[in-house]
Amino acid sequence: MEKKVHRYRMELRHTTDTDGNEVQDERLDLEFTNHDDLFEIMERIKSRELFDDDTSAELVVGMKMLGEVMLRHRDSPLFVEFRDAFNSFMKKVKAA
């Protein structure tokens, strides 16, 4: 049986460099999956008013994308030391 997931597409464009100069043609189109509804989570985080809406969205997208990679590669030694701290952080965010 196929695992049920939410599918997302994200466009990332580099608009200006650190000096404020416009950057042309640096773009990433990314398709990914997640077991959670990211928009539902973003609304919950936004409603808690911990951060402004953009920061809340950054937090959720970054956290959930990293978490999904960690789940898919749970046996990777790269995440061994980080896993417990990440899980604690997730619980703290959910409780906030």
PDB file of N, CA and C in Angstrom:
ATOM      1  N   MET A   1       0.842  -1.184   0.000  1.00  0.00           N
ATOM      2  CA  MET A   1       0.000   0.000   0.000  1.00  0.00           C
ATOM      3  C   MET A   1       0.888   1.249   0.000  1.00  0.00           C
ATOM      4  N   GLU A   2       0.497   2.220  -0.804  1.00  0.00           N
ATOM      5  CA  GLU A   2       1.261   3.460  -0.901  1.00  0.00           C
ATOM      6  C   GLU A   2       1.015   4.334   0.327  1.00  0.00           C
ATOM      7  N   LYS A   3       2.092   4.906   0.841  1.00  0.00           N
ATOM      8  CA  LYS A   3       2.008   5.805   1.990  1.00  0.00           C
ATOM      9  C   LYS A   3       1.298   7.099   1.587  1.00  0.00           C
ATOM     10  N   LYS A   4       0.341   7.522   2.405  1.00  0.00           N
ATOM     11  CA  LYS A   4      -0.385   8.756   2.108  1.00  0.00           C
ATOM     12  C   LYS A   4       0.439   9.950   2.563  1.00  0.00           C
ATOM     13  N   VAL A   5       0.666  10.869   1.624  1.00  0.00           N
ATOM     14  CA  VAL A   5       1.461  12.060   1.915  1.00  0.00           C
ATOM     15  C   VAL A   5       0.831  13.271   1.246  1.00  0.00           C
ATOM     16  N   HIS A   6       1.159  14.425   1.770  1.00  0.00           N
ATOM     17  CA  HIS A   6       0.804  15.685   1.132  1.00  0.00           C
ATOM     18  C   HIS A   6       1.939  16.025   0.172  1.00  0.00           C
ATOM     19  N   ARG A   7       1.608  16.528  -0.989  1.00  0.00           N
ATOM     20  CA  ARG A   7       2.614  16.902  -1.984  1.00  0.00           C
ATOM     21  C   ARG A   7       2.653  18.429  -2.096  1.00  0.00           C
ATOM     22  N   TYR A   8       3.863  18.945  -2.194  1.00  0.00           N
ATOM     23  CA  TYR A   8       4.068  20.391  -2.249  1.00  0.00           C
ATOM     24  C   TYR A   8       5.036  20.739  -3.375  1.00  0.00           C
ATOM     25  N   ARG A   9       4.899  21.948  -3.871  1.00  0.00           N
ATOM     26  CA  ARG A   9       5.857  22.495  -4.823  1.00  0.00           C
ATOM     27  C   ARG A   9       6.237  23.877  -4.311  1.00  0.00           C
ATOM     28  N   MET A  10       7.510  24.158  -4.279  1.00  0.00           N
ATOM     29  CA  MET A  10       7.996  25.422  -3.750  1.00  0.00           C
ATOM     30  C   MET A  10       8.946  26.041  -4.769  1.00  0.00           C
ATOM     31  N   GLU A  11       8.831  27.351  -4.926  1.00  0.00           N
ATOM     32  CA  GLU A  11       9.749  28.088  -5.775  1.00  0.00           C
ATOM     33  C   GLU A  11      10.590  28.983  -4.886  1.00  0.00           C
ATOM     34  N   LEU A  12      11.882  28.880  -5.018  1.00  0.00           N
ATOM     35  CA  LEU A  12      12.812  29.713  -4.266  1.00  0.00           C
ATOM     36  C   LEU A  12      13.590  30.544  -5.268  1.00  0.00           C
ATOM     37  N   ARG A  13      13.505  31.859  -5.104  1.00  0.00           N
ATOM     38  CA  ARG A  13      14.234  32.763  -5.995  1.00  0.00           C
ATOM     39  C   ARG A  13      15.160  33.631  -5.177  1.00  0.00           C
ATOM     40  N   HIS A  14      16.373  33.733  -5.615  1.00  0.00           N
ATOM     41  CA  HIS A  14      17.355  34.630  -5.008  1.00  0.00           C
ATOM     42  C   HIS A  14      17.112  35.994  -5.623  1.00  0.00           C
ATOM     43  N   THR A  15      16.662  36.969  -4.840  1.00  0.00           N
ATOM     44  CA  THR A  15      16.274  38.257  -5.407  1.00  0.00           C
ATOM     45  C   THR A  15      17.346  39.336  -5.277  1.00  0.00           C
ATOM     46  N   THR A  16      18.038  39.377  -4.120  1.00  0.00           N
ATOM     47  CA  THR A  16      19.124  40.357  -3.947  1.00  0.00           C
ATOM     48  C   THR A  16      20.259  39.710  -3.163  1.00  0.00           C
ATOM     49  N   ASP A  17      21.466  40.207  -3.422  1.00  0.00           N
ATOM     50  CA  ASP A  17      22.615  39.714  -2.667  1.00  0.00           C
ATOM     51  C   ASP A  17      22.776  40.531  -1.381  1.00  0.00           C
ATOM     52  N   THR A  18      23.836  40.278  -0.634  1.00  0.00           N
ATOM     53  CA  THR A  18      24.034  40.953   0.655  1.00  0.00           C
ATOM     54  C   THR A  18      24.273  42.453   0.525  1.00  0.00           C
ATOM     55  N   ASP A  19      24.622  42.922  -0.686  1.00  0.00           N
ATOM     56  CA  ASP A  19      24.815  44.350  -0.917  1.00  0.00           C
ATOM     57  C   ASP A  19      23.558  45.014  -1.470  1.00  0.00           C
ATOM     58  N   GLY A  20      22.473  44.254  -1.607  1.00  0.00           N
ATOM     59  CA  GLY A  20      21.226  44.804  -2.123  1.00  0.00           C
ATOM     60  C   GLY A  20      21.122  44.803  -3.633  1.00  0.00           C
ATOM     61  N   ASN A  21      22.090  44.210  -4.309  1.00  0.00           N
ATOM     62  CA  ASN A  21      22.064  44.133  -5.771  1.00  0.00           C
ATOM     63  C   ASN A  21      21.103  43.036  -6.222  1.00  0.00           C
ATOM     64  N   GLU A  22      20.337  43.323  -7.268  1.00  0.00           N
ATOM     65  CA  GLU A  22      19.431  42.316  -7.801  1.00  0.00           C
ATOM     66  C   GLU A  22      20.208  41.131  -8.345  1.00  0.00           C
ATOM     67  N   VAL A  23      19.674  39.956  -8.111  1.00  0.00           N
ATOM     68  CA  VAL A  23      20.264  38.727  -8.627  1.00  0.00           C
ATOM     69  C   VAL A  23      19.324  38.186  -9.692  1.00  0.00           C
ATOM     70  N   GLN A  24      19.867  37.847 -10.824  1.00  0.00           N
ATOM     71  CA  GLN A  24      19.055  37.336 -11.932  1.00  0.00           C
ATOM     72  C   GLN A  24      19.244  35.837 -12.097  1.00  0.00           C
ATOM     73  N   ASP A  25      18.149  35.185 -12.390  1.00  0.00           N
ATOM     74  CA  ASP A  25      18.172  33.792 -12.843  1.00  0.00           C
ATOM     75  C   ASP A  25      18.703  32.774 -11.843  1.00  0.00           C
ATOM     76  N   GLU A  26      18.633  33.049 -10.552  1.00  0.00           N
ATOM     77  CA  GLU A  26      18.943  32.018  -9.568  1.00  0.00           C
ATOM     78  C   GLU A  26      17.617  31.584  -8.967  1.00  0.00           C
ATOM     79  N   ARG A  27      17.229  30.379  -9.324  1.00  0.00           N
ATOM     80  CA  ARG A  27      15.910  29.903  -8.952  1.00  0.00           C
ATOM     81  C   ARG A  27      15.945  28.396  -8.728  1.00  0.00           C
ATOM     82  N   LEU A  28      15.175  27.951  -7.758  1.00  0.00           N
ATOM     83  CA  LEU A  28      15.049  26.526  -7.466  1.00  0.00           C
ATOM     84  C   LEU A  28      13.571  26.187  -7.403  1.00  0.00           C
ATOM     85  N   ASP A  29      13.155  25.222  -8.198  1.00  0.00           N
ATOM     86  CA  ASP A  29      11.804  24.691  -8.112  1.00  0.00           C
ATOM     87  C   ASP A  29      11.935  23.323  -7.456  1.00  0.00           C
ATOM     88  N   LEU A  30      11.252  23.163  -6.349  1.00  0.00           N
ATOM     89  CA  LEU A  30      11.404  21.956  -5.550  1.00  0.00           C
ATOM     90  C   LEU A  30      10.047  21.321  -5.300  1.00  0.00           C
ATOM     91  N   GLU A  31       9.951  20.030  -5.549  1.00  0.00           N
ATOM     92  CA  GLU A  31       8.755  19.284  -5.187  1.00  0.00           C
ATOM     93  C   GLU A  31       9.138  18.341  -4.062  1.00  0.00           C
ATOM     94  N   PHE A  32       8.266  18.259  -3.047  1.00  0.00           N
ATOM     95  CA  PHE A  32       8.558  17.406  -1.907  1.00  0.00           C
ATOM     96  C   PHE A  32       7.260  16.925  -1.281  1.00  0.00           C
ATOM     97  N   THR A  33       7.380  15.954  -0.405  1.00  0.00           N
ATOM     98  CA  THR A  33       6.220  15.420   0.301  1.00  0.00           C
ATOM     99  C   THR A  33       6.417  15.583   1.797  1.00  0.00           C
ATOM    100  N   ASN A  34       5.302  15.549   2.502  1.00  0.00           N
ATOM    101  CA  ASN A  34       5.351  15.574   3.953  1.00  0.00           C
ATOM    102  C   ASN A  34       4.123  14.845   4.470  1.00  0.00           C
ATOM    103  N   HIS A  35       4.272  14.172   5.581  1.00  0.00           N
ATOM    104  CA  HIS A  35       3.134  13.442   6.140  1.00  0.00           C
ATOM    105  C   HIS A  35       2.129  14.368   6.798  1.00  0.00           C
ATOM    106  N   ASP A  36       2.501  15.621   7.039  1.00  0.00           N
ATOM    107  CA  ASP A  36       1.614  16.599   7.674  1.00  0.00           C
ATOM    108  C   ASP A  36       1.118  17.631   6.674  1.00  0.00           C
ATOM    109  N   ASP A  37       0.001  18.261   7.005  1.00  0.00           N
ATOM    110  CA  ASP A  37      -0.532  19.377   6.239  1.00  0.00           C
ATOM    111  C   ASP A  37       0.189  20.640   6.720  1.00  0.00           C
ATOM    112  N   LEU A  38       1.139  21.122   5.934  1.00  0.00           N
ATOM    113  CA  LEU A  38       1.963  22.254   6.355  1.00  0.00           C
ATOM    114  C   LEU A  38       1.157  23.531   6.530  1.00  0.00           C
ATOM    115  N   PHE A  39       0.134  23.718   5.729  1.00  0.00           N
ATOM    116  CA  PHE A  39      -0.670  24.935   5.849  1.00  0.00           C
ATOM    117  C   PHE A  39      -1.476  24.935   7.145  1.00  0.00           C
ATOM    118  N   GLU A  40      -1.944  23.784   7.554  1.00  0.00           N
ATOM    119  CA  GLU A  40      -2.654  23.672   8.837  1.00  0.00           C
ATOM    120  C   GLU A  40      -1.719  24.005   9.999  1.00  0.00           C
ATOM    121  N   ILE A  41      -0.509  23.491   9.939  1.00  0.00           N
ATOM    122  CA  ILE A  41       0.475  23.761  10.994  1.00  0.00           C
ATOM    123  C   ILE A  41       0.851  25.238  11.001  1.00  0.00           C
ATOM    124  N   MET A  42       1.027  25.829   9.802  1.00  0.00           N
ATOM    125  CA  MET A  42       1.362  27.257   9.737  1.00  0.00           C
ATOM    126  C   MET A  42       0.268  28.100  10.375  1.00  0.00           C
ATOM    127  N   GLU A  43      -0.974  27.762  10.124  1.00  0.00           N
ATOM    128  CA  GLU A  43      -2.081  28.518  10.723  1.00  0.00           C
ATOM    129  C   GLU A  43      -2.067  28.396  12.241  1.00  0.00           C
ATOM    130  N   ARG A  44      -1.779  27.208  12.756  1.00  0.00           N
ATOM    131  CA  ARG A  44      -1.712  27.027  14.214  1.00  0.00           C
ATOM    132  C   ARG A  44      -0.580  27.863  14.805  1.00  0.00           C
ATOM    133  N   ILE A  45       0.572  27.851  14.168  1.00  0.00           N
ATOM    134  CA  ILE A  45       1.715  28.622  14.676  1.00  0.00           C
ATOM    135  C   ILE A  45       1.420  30.122  14.571  1.00  0.00           C
ATOM    136  N   LYS A  46       0.860  30.556  13.447  1.00  0.00           N
ATOM    137  CA  LYS A  46       0.520  31.973  13.278  1.00  0.00           C
ATOM    138  C   LYS A  46      -0.475  32.424  14.341  1.00  0.00           C
ATOM    139  N   SER A  47      -1.449  31.584  14.661  1.00  0.00           N
ATOM    140  CA  SER A  47      -2.483  31.963  15.629  1.00  0.00           C
ATOM    141  C   SER A  47      -1.915  32.139  17.034  1.00  0.00           C
ATOM    142  N   ARG A  48      -0.775  31.549  17.316  1.00  0.00           N
ATOM    143  CA  ARG A  48      -0.137  31.695  18.630  1.00  0.00           C
ATOM    144  C   ARG A  48       0.626  33.001  18.738  1.00  0.00           C
ATOM    145  N   GLU A  49       0.813  33.677  17.604  1.00  0.00           N
ATOM    146  CA  GLU A  49       1.476  34.976  17.550  1.00  0.00           C
ATOM    147  C   GLU A  49       2.853  34.977  18.217  1.00  0.00           C
ATOM    148  N   LEU A  50       3.591  33.890  17.981  1.00  0.00           N
ATOM    149  CA  LEU A  50       4.973  33.823  18.475  1.00  0.00           C
ATOM    150  C   LEU A  50       5.884  34.710  17.635  1.00  0.00           C
ATOM    151  N   PHE A  51       5.584  34.773  16.337  1.00  0.00           N
ATOM    152  CA  PHE A  51       6.382  35.527  15.373  1.00  0.00           C
ATOM    153  C   PHE A  51       5.441  36.171  14.370  1.00  0.00           C
ATOM    154  N   ASP A  52       5.990  37.008  13.487  1.00  0.00           N
ATOM    155  CA  ASP A  52       5.178  37.524  12.389  1.00  0.00           C
ATOM    156  C   ASP A  52       4.868  36.372  11.430  1.00  0.00           C
ATOM    157  N   ASP A  53       3.939  36.588  10.501  1.00  0.00           N
ATOM    158  CA  ASP A  53       3.476  35.506   9.626  1.00  0.00           C
ATOM    159  C   ASP A  53       4.589  34.906   8.778  1.00  0.00           C
ATOM    160  N   ASP A  54       5.464  35.735   8.220  1.00  0.00           N
ATOM    161  CA  ASP A  54       6.545  35.210   7.389  1.00  0.00           C
ATOM    162  C   ASP A  54       7.506  34.352   8.203  1.00  0.00           C
ATOM    163  N   THR A  55       7.839  34.812   9.394  1.00  0.00           N
ATOM    164  CA  THR A  55       8.747  34.043  10.249  1.00  0.00           C
ATOM    165  C   THR A  55       8.099  32.730  10.668  1.00  0.00           C
ATOM    166  N   SER A  56       6.828  32.756  10.966  1.00  0.00           N
ATOM    167  CA  SER A  56       6.105  31.526  11.314  1.00  0.00           C
ATOM    168  C   SER A  56       6.155  30.529  10.159  1.00  0.00           C
ATOM    169  N   ALA A  57       5.946  31.026   8.937  1.00  0.00           N
ATOM    170  CA  ALA A  57       5.998  30.157   7.758  1.00  0.00           C
ATOM    171  C   ALA A  57       7.403  29.591   7.564  1.00  0.00           C
ATOM    172  N   GLU A  58       8.421  30.429   7.730  1.00  0.00           N
ATOM    173  CA  GLU A  58       9.809  29.954   7.618  1.00  0.00           C
ATOM    174  C   GLU A  58      10.087  28.835   8.609  1.00  0.00           C
ATOM    175  N   LEU A  59       9.655  29.042   9.845  1.00  0.00           N
ATOM    176  CA  LEU A  59       9.874  28.048  10.892  1.00  0.00           C
ATOM    177  C   LEU A  59       9.227  26.723  10.532  1.00  0.00           C
ATOM    178  N   VAL A  60       7.962  26.767  10.157  1.00  0.00           N
ATOM    179  CA  VAL A  60       7.233  25.536   9.864  1.00  0.00           C
ATOM    180  C   VAL A  60       7.818  24.815   8.659  1.00  0.00           C
ATOM    181  N   VAL A  61       8.046  25.529   7.567  1.00  0.00           N
ATOM    182  CA  VAL A  61       8.560  24.884   6.363  1.00  0.00           C
ATOM    183  C   VAL A  61       9.951  24.290   6.627  1.00  0.00           C
ATOM    184  N   GLY A  62      10.820  25.068   7.236  1.00  0.00           N
ATOM    185  CA  GLY A  62      12.166  24.565   7.519  1.00  0.00           C
ATOM    186  C   GLY A  62      12.159  23.375   8.455  1.00  0.00           C
ATOM    187  N   MET A  63      11.395  23.488   9.522  1.00  0.00           N
ATOM    188  CA  MET A  63      11.330  22.430  10.528  1.00  0.00           C
ATOM    189  C   MET A  63      10.737  21.148   9.942  1.00  0.00           C
ATOM    190  N   LYS A  64       9.648  21.280   9.204  1.00  0.00           N
ATOM    191  CA  LYS A  64       8.977  20.096   8.674  1.00  0.00           C
ATOM    192  C   LYS A  64       9.753  19.468   7.531  1.00  0.00           C
ATOM    193  N   MET A  65      10.437  20.267   6.720  1.00  0.00           N
ATOM    194  CA  MET A  65      11.259  19.684   5.652  1.00  0.00           C
ATOM    195  C   MET A  65      12.434  18.921   6.241  1.00  0.00           C
ATOM    196  N   LEU A  66      13.100  19.505   7.222  1.00  0.00           N
ATOM    197  CA  LEU A  66      14.208  18.815   7.873  1.00  0.00           C
ATOM    198  C   LEU A  66      13.715  17.551   8.571  1.00  0.00           C
ATOM    199  N   GLY A  67      12.604  17.654   9.274  1.00  0.00           N
ATOM    200  CA  GLY A  67      12.064  16.492   9.979  1.00  0.00           C
ATOM    201  C   GLY A  67      11.735  15.351   9.038  1.00  0.00           C
ATOM    202  N   GLU A  68      11.191  15.676   7.877  1.00  0.00           N
ATOM    203  CA  GLU A  68      10.835  14.626   6.912  1.00  0.00           C
ATOM    204  C   GLU A  68      12.089  13.954   6.354  1.00  0.00           C
ATOM    205  N   VAL A  69      13.125  14.729   6.085  1.00  0.00           N
ATOM    206  CA  VAL A  69      14.391  14.141   5.619  1.00  0.00           C
ATOM    207  C   VAL A  69      14.948  13.219   6.703  1.00  0.00           C
ATOM    208  N   MET A  70      14.882  13.657   7.951  1.00  0.00           N
ATOM    209  CA  MET A  70      15.383  12.828   9.055  1.00  0.00           C
ATOM    210  C   MET A  70      14.589  11.529   9.181  1.00  0.00           C
ATOM    211  N   LEU A  71      13.270  11.593   8.967  1.00  0.00           N
ATOM    212  CA  LEU A  71      12.453  10.385   9.023  1.00  0.00           C
ATOM    213  C   LEU A  71      12.825   9.406   7.915  1.00  0.00           C
ATOM    214  N   ARG A  72      13.000   9.922   6.701  1.00  0.00           N
ATOM    215  CA  ARG A  72      13.343   9.053   5.565  1.00  0.00           C
ATOM    216  C   ARG A  72      14.740   8.454   5.695  1.00  0.00           C
ATOM    217  N   HIS A  73      15.606   9.141   6.418  1.00  0.00           N
ATOM    218  CA  HIS A  73      17.000   8.690   6.550  1.00  0.00           C
ATOM    219  C   HIS A  73      17.339   8.476   8.022  1.00  0.00           C
ATOM    220  N   ARG A  74      16.420   7.861   8.732  1.00  0.00           N
ATOM    221  CA  ARG A  74      16.565   7.702  10.191  1.00  0.00           C
ATOM    222  C   ARG A  74      17.808   6.912  10.593  1.00  0.00           C
ATOM    223  N   ASP A  75      18.343   6.105   9.693  1.00  0.00           N
ATOM    224  CA  ASP A  75      19.536   5.329  10.022  1.00  0.00           C
ATOM    225  C   ASP A  75      20.837   6.045   9.681  1.00  0.00           C
ATOM    226  N   SER A  76      20.726   7.243   9.146  1.00  0.00           N
ATOM    227  CA  SER A  76      21.926   7.988   8.768  1.00  0.00           C
ATOM    228  C   SER A  76      22.681   8.456  10.012  1.00  0.00           C
ATOM    229  N   PRO A  77      23.976   8.213  10.053  1.00  0.00           N
ATOM    230  CA  PRO A  77      24.773   8.686  11.188  1.00  0.00           C
ATOM    231  C   PRO A  77      24.811  10.219  11.281  1.00  0.00           C
ATOM    232  N   LEU A  78      24.450  10.897  10.205  1.00  0.00           N
ATOM    233  CA  LEU A  78      24.444  12.360  10.191  1.00  0.00           C
ATOM    234  C   LEU A  78      23.510  12.934  11.251  1.00  0.00           C
ATOM    235  N   PHE A  79      22.406  12.217  11.534  1.00  0.00           N
ATOM    236  CA  PHE A  79      21.384  12.748  12.439  1.00  0.00           C
ATOM    237  C   PHE A  79      21.442  12.186  13.854  1.00  0.00           C
ATOM    238  N   VAL A  80      22.346  11.288  14.134  1.00  0.00           N
ATOM    239  CA  VAL A  80      22.367  10.607  15.433  1.00  0.00           C
ATOM    240  C   VAL A  80      22.417  11.588  16.602  1.00  0.00           C
ATOM    241  N   GLU A  81      23.350  12.496  16.605  1.00  0.00           N
ATOM    242  CA  GLU A  81      23.512  13.422  17.732  1.00  0.00           C
ATOM    243  C   GLU A  81      22.425  14.495  17.760  1.00  0.00           C
ATOM    244  N   PHE A  82      21.825  14.771  16.639  1.00  0.00           N
ATOM    245  CA  PHE A  82      20.858  15.851  16.514  1.00  0.00           C
ATOM    246  C   PHE A  82      19.423  15.403  16.800  1.00  0.00           C
ATOM    247  N   ARG A  83      19.153  14.129  16.622  1.00  0.00           N
ATOM    248  CA  ARG A  83      17.779  13.615  16.686  1.00  0.00           C
ATOM    249  C   ARG A  83      17.062  13.968  17.988  1.00  0.00           C
ATOM    250  N   ASP A  84      17.681  13.718  19.137  1.00  0.00           N
ATOM    251  CA  ASP A  84      17.030  13.990  20.426  1.00  0.00           C
ATOM    252  C   ASP A  84      16.742  15.474  20.611  1.00  0.00           C
ATOM    253  N   ALA A  85      17.697  16.308  20.233  1.00  0.00           N
ATOM    254  CA  ALA A  85      17.493  17.750  20.363  1.00  0.00           C
ATOM    255  C   ALA A  85      16.367  18.211  19.440  1.00  0.00           C
ATOM    256  N   PHE A  86      16.311  17.680  18.240  1.00  0.00           N
ATOM    257  CA  PHE A  86      15.265  18.048  17.296  1.00  0.00           C
ATOM    258  C   PHE A  86      13.896  17.614  17.822  1.00  0.00           C
ATOM    259  N   ASN A  87      13.807  16.408  18.324  1.00  0.00           N
ATOM    260  CA  ASN A  87      12.540  15.922  18.880  1.00  0.00           C
ATOM    261  C   ASN A  87      12.084  16.782  20.063  1.00  0.00           C
ATOM    262  N   SER A  88      13.005  17.170  20.918  1.00  0.00           N
ATOM    263  CA  SER A  88      12.661  18.048  22.044  1.00  0.00           C
ATOM    264  C   SER A  88      12.165  19.393  21.547  1.00  0.00           C
ATOM    265  N   PHE A  89      12.829  19.931  20.537  1.00  0.00           N
ATOM    266  CA  PHE A  89      12.422  21.199  19.962  1.00  0.00           C
ATOM    267  C   PHE A  89      11.017  21.102  19.357  1.00  0.00           C
ATOM    268  N   MET A  90      10.736  20.024  18.639  1.00  0.00           N
ATOM    269  CA  MET A  90       9.409  19.827  18.035  1.00  0.00           C
ATOM    270  C   MET A  90       8.332  19.809  19.108  1.00  0.00           C
ATOM    271  N   LYS A  91       8.593  19.135  20.206  1.00  0.00           N
ATOM    272  CA  LYS A  91       7.627  19.072  21.303  1.00  0.00           C
ATOM    273  C   LYS A  91       7.400  20.468  21.906  1.00  0.00           C
ATOM    274  N   LYS A  92       8.472  21.242  21.998  1.00  0.00           N
ATOM    275  CA  LYS A  92       8.371  22.601  22.549  1.00  0.00           C
ATOM    276  C   LYS A  92       7.538  23.488  21.618  1.00  0.00           C
ATOM    277  N   VAL A  93       7.753  23.368  20.327  1.00  0.00           N
ATOM    278  CA  VAL A  93       6.974  24.157  19.363  1.00  0.00           C
ATOM    279  C   VAL A  93       5.509  23.764  19.438  1.00  0.00           C
ATOM    280  N   LYS A  94       5.239  22.464  19.478  1.00  0.00           N
ATOM    281  CA  LYS A  94       3.849  21.998  19.542  1.00  0.00           C
ATOM    282  C   LYS A  94       3.144  22.448  20.817  1.00  0.00           C
ATOM    283  N   ALA A  95       3.887  22.593  21.902  1.00  0.00           N
ATOM    284  CA  ALA A  95       3.300  22.987  23.179  1.00  0.00           C
ATOM    285  C   ALA A  95       3.139  24.500  23.314  1.00  0.00           C
ATOM    286  N   ALA A  96       3.827  25.254  22.471  1.00  0.00           N
ATOM    287  CA  ALA A  96       3.807  26.725  22.582  1.00  0.00           C
ATOM    288  C   ALA A  96       2.442  27.295  22.274  1.00  0.00           C
TER     289      ALA A  96
END
